[in-house]
Protein backbone atom coordinates (compact mmCIF):
# COMPACT_ATOMS: atom_id res chain seq x y z
CA MET A 1 13.37 35.73 140.34
CA VAL A 2 10.07 33.86 140.52
CA SER A 3 6.93 35.91 140.03
CA ASP A 4 3.26 35.57 139.27
CA ARG A 5 1.94 36.56 135.86
CA ASP A 6 0.98 40.09 136.85
CA PRO A 7 1.16 42.43 133.82
CA VAL A 8 3.80 44.46 135.65
CA PHE A 9 6.17 41.47 135.56
CA THR A 10 5.27 40.34 132.04
CA SER A 11 5.79 43.78 130.49
CA THR A 12 8.55 44.41 127.97
CA PHE A 13 10.07 46.98 130.34
CA TRP A 14 10.36 44.55 133.25
CA ARG A 15 11.70 41.68 131.13
CA GLU A 16 14.34 43.95 129.58
CA LEU A 17 15.31 45.37 132.97
CA MET A 18 15.75 41.85 134.36
CA ARG A 19 17.81 40.85 131.30
CA LEU A 20 20.13 43.87 131.70
CA MET A 21 20.57 43.12 135.40
CA GLY A 22 21.44 39.49 134.65
CA THR A 23 18.41 38.23 136.57
CA LYS A 24 16.45 35.25 135.27
CA LEU A 25 12.71 35.88 135.49
CA HIS A 26 10.55 32.76 135.96
CA MET A 27 6.74 32.80 136.04
CA THR A 28 4.44 30.60 138.10
CA THR A 29 1.74 28.56 136.40
CA ALA A 30 -1.41 30.54 135.62
CA PHE A 31 -4.13 30.26 138.28
CA HIS A 32 -1.75 28.35 140.56
CA PRO A 33 0.46 30.86 142.39
CA GLN A 34 1.15 28.41 145.22
CA LEU A 35 3.71 26.73 142.98
CA ASP A 36 6.15 29.43 144.00
CA GLY A 37 6.22 27.96 147.47
CA GLN A 38 9.57 29.39 148.56
CA SER A 39 8.57 32.98 147.80
CA GLU A 40 5.10 32.51 149.25
CA ALA A 41 6.53 31.03 152.45
CA ALA A 42 9.18 33.75 152.75
CA ASN A 43 6.58 36.47 152.20
CA CYS A 44 4.34 34.95 154.89
CA VAL A 45 7.21 34.88 157.36
CA ILE A 46 8.29 38.47 156.59
CA ILE A 47 4.67 39.65 156.92
CA MET A 48 4.40 37.80 160.25
CA TYR A 49 7.64 39.41 161.45
CA LEU A 50 6.40 42.86 160.43
CA ARG A 51 3.08 42.32 162.22
CA CYS A 52 4.95 41.34 165.35
CA LEU A 53 7.38 44.23 165.08
CA THR A 54 4.82 46.92 164.34
CA GLY A 55 2.24 45.73 166.86
CA ASP A 56 -0.43 48.41 167.11
CA ARG A 57 1.46 50.74 164.72
CA PRO A 58 1.17 48.92 161.35
CA ARG A 59 1.76 52.08 159.32
CA GLN A 60 5.34 52.10 160.62
CA TRP A 61 6.16 48.83 158.85
CA LEU A 62 8.90 50.40 156.72
CA ARG A 63 10.81 51.42 159.85
CA TRP A 64 10.92 47.77 160.93
CA LEU A 65 11.70 46.18 157.55
CA PRO A 66 15.49 46.02 158.18
CA TRP A 67 14.84 44.21 161.49
CA ALA A 68 12.47 41.77 159.77
CA GLU A 69 15.14 41.12 157.13
CA PHE A 70 17.79 40.58 159.82
CA VAL A 71 15.59 38.15 161.73
CA PHE A 72 14.68 36.23 158.56
CA ASN A 73 18.28 35.99 157.35
CA THR A 74 19.62 34.90 160.73
CA ALA A 75 16.93 32.32 161.54
CA TYR A 76 17.75 28.63 161.02
CA GLN A 77 15.91 27.14 158.04
CA THR A 78 15.39 23.41 157.86
CA SER A 79 15.56 23.30 154.06
CA LEU A 80 18.99 24.95 154.11
CA ARG A 81 20.13 23.23 157.29
CA ASP A 82 21.57 26.61 158.21
CA THR A 83 20.73 30.31 158.20
CA PRO A 84 20.45 32.18 154.89
CA PHE A 85 23.20 34.51 156.12
CA GLN A 86 25.58 31.58 156.70
CA VAL A 87 24.78 30.11 153.27
CA VAL A 88 25.42 33.39 151.43
CA TYR A 89 28.40 34.74 153.38
CA GLY A 90 29.94 31.56 154.76
CA ARG A 91 30.12 32.91 158.30
CA ASP A 92 27.87 33.49 161.26
CA PRO A 93 25.85 36.70 161.22
CA PRO A 94 26.82 39.55 163.50
CA SER A 95 25.06 39.19 166.79
CA ILE A 96 23.11 41.86 168.58
CA ARG A 97 25.19 42.69 171.61
CA SER A 98 23.34 41.96 174.80
CA TYR A 99 22.96 44.71 177.35
CA GLU A 100 23.41 44.36 181.07
CA PRO A 101 22.28 47.14 183.41
CA GLY A 102 25.31 49.12 184.44
CA ASP A 103 27.15 48.72 181.09
CA THR A 104 26.88 52.48 180.57
CA ARG A 105 26.76 55.56 182.75
CA VAL A 106 24.76 57.60 180.23
CA ALA A 107 21.15 57.44 181.44
CA ALA A 108 19.60 57.99 177.99
CA VAL A 109 21.66 55.16 176.48
CA ALA A 110 20.83 52.85 179.39
CA LYS A 111 17.11 53.58 178.97
CA SER A 112 17.29 52.99 175.22
CA MET A 113 19.14 49.69 175.64
CA GLU A 114 16.70 48.48 178.31
CA GLU A 115 13.76 49.33 176.03
CA ARG A 116 15.46 47.41 173.21
CA THR A 117 15.95 44.36 175.44
CA GLU A 118 12.28 44.44 176.50
CA PHE A 119 11.20 44.95 172.90
CA ILE A 120 13.23 41.97 171.65
CA ALA A 121 11.79 39.74 174.39
CA ASP A 122 8.26 40.90 173.54
CA VAL A 123 8.77 40.29 169.81
CA ARG A 124 10.22 36.84 170.46
CA TYR A 125 7.16 35.92 172.53
CA ARG A 126 4.72 37.26 169.91
CA LEU A 127 6.57 35.43 167.11
CA GLU A 128 6.35 32.15 169.00
CA GLN A 129 2.61 32.68 169.49
CA ALA A 130 2.10 33.58 165.81
CA GLN A 131 4.10 30.56 164.62
CA ALA A 132 2.09 28.23 166.84
CA MET A 133 -1.16 29.69 165.48
CA GLN A 134 0.06 29.33 161.87
CA LYS A 135 1.03 25.71 162.49
CA ARG A 136 -2.37 24.90 164.01
CA HIS A 137 -4.15 26.49 161.04
CA TYR A 138 -1.93 24.76 158.46
CA ASP A 139 -2.24 21.37 160.14
CA LYS A 140 -6.03 21.75 160.27
CA VAL A 141 -6.50 22.36 156.52
CA HIS A 142 -3.62 20.45 154.88
CA ARG A 143 -2.76 16.83 154.56
CA HIS A 144 0.40 15.17 153.30
CA VAL A 145 -0.06 13.27 150.04
CA PRO A 146 2.87 10.96 149.28
CA TYR A 147 3.69 10.69 145.57
CA GLN A 148 5.94 8.12 143.97
CA VAL A 149 7.79 8.40 140.67
CA GLY A 150 5.38 7.25 137.97
CA ASP A 151 2.17 8.10 139.87
CA TRP A 152 -0.58 9.73 137.86
CA ALA A 153 -2.14 13.02 138.90
CA LEU A 154 -5.22 14.83 137.64
CA LEU A 155 -4.96 18.47 136.59
CA ARG A 156 -7.92 20.80 137.05
CA LEU A 157 -7.97 23.13 134.03
CA ARG A 158 -10.69 25.48 135.23
CA GLN A 159 -9.75 28.27 137.58
CA ARG A 160 -11.23 28.02 141.06
CA ALA A 161 -12.61 31.12 142.70
CA ALA A 162 -10.12 32.50 145.20
CA SER A 163 -11.72 32.34 148.63
CA SER A 164 -9.08 34.47 150.34
CA LEU A 165 -9.59 37.52 148.14
CA PRO A 166 -12.16 40.18 149.01
């Protein structure tokens, strides 16, 4: 597990718990949490999914967490060249069965399935919009710096003030 240097994670209790569970605990460099890029990126995506799923009801985020997990684990990831589910389990994830009007004669079930279909379409649209906005923001403030083996790099030893924190 990769974590920042929060006292919760550096405590004797947490380190011993991780040891007993057989989990290796790795810490990011002080004042440079972006080094844990995979976790940061995954957290951003999960947060984006939860924002899309909860919409105007953000306090209900816990209700939607399993859906966010499902979407994350079944989405293709370029770095893996597959879905996380496929990498872990070696098979395709179970699909959400599509619903066609008339598949059931029970009115309450039909209504629920139609709402689910509309909800999934709405979430897909909002996710596409959010991803496009994230890409525009990232592209605006970041630039690719190509490094070669043997290149020198300067290290800033003083901590910069975090501009994103209140």
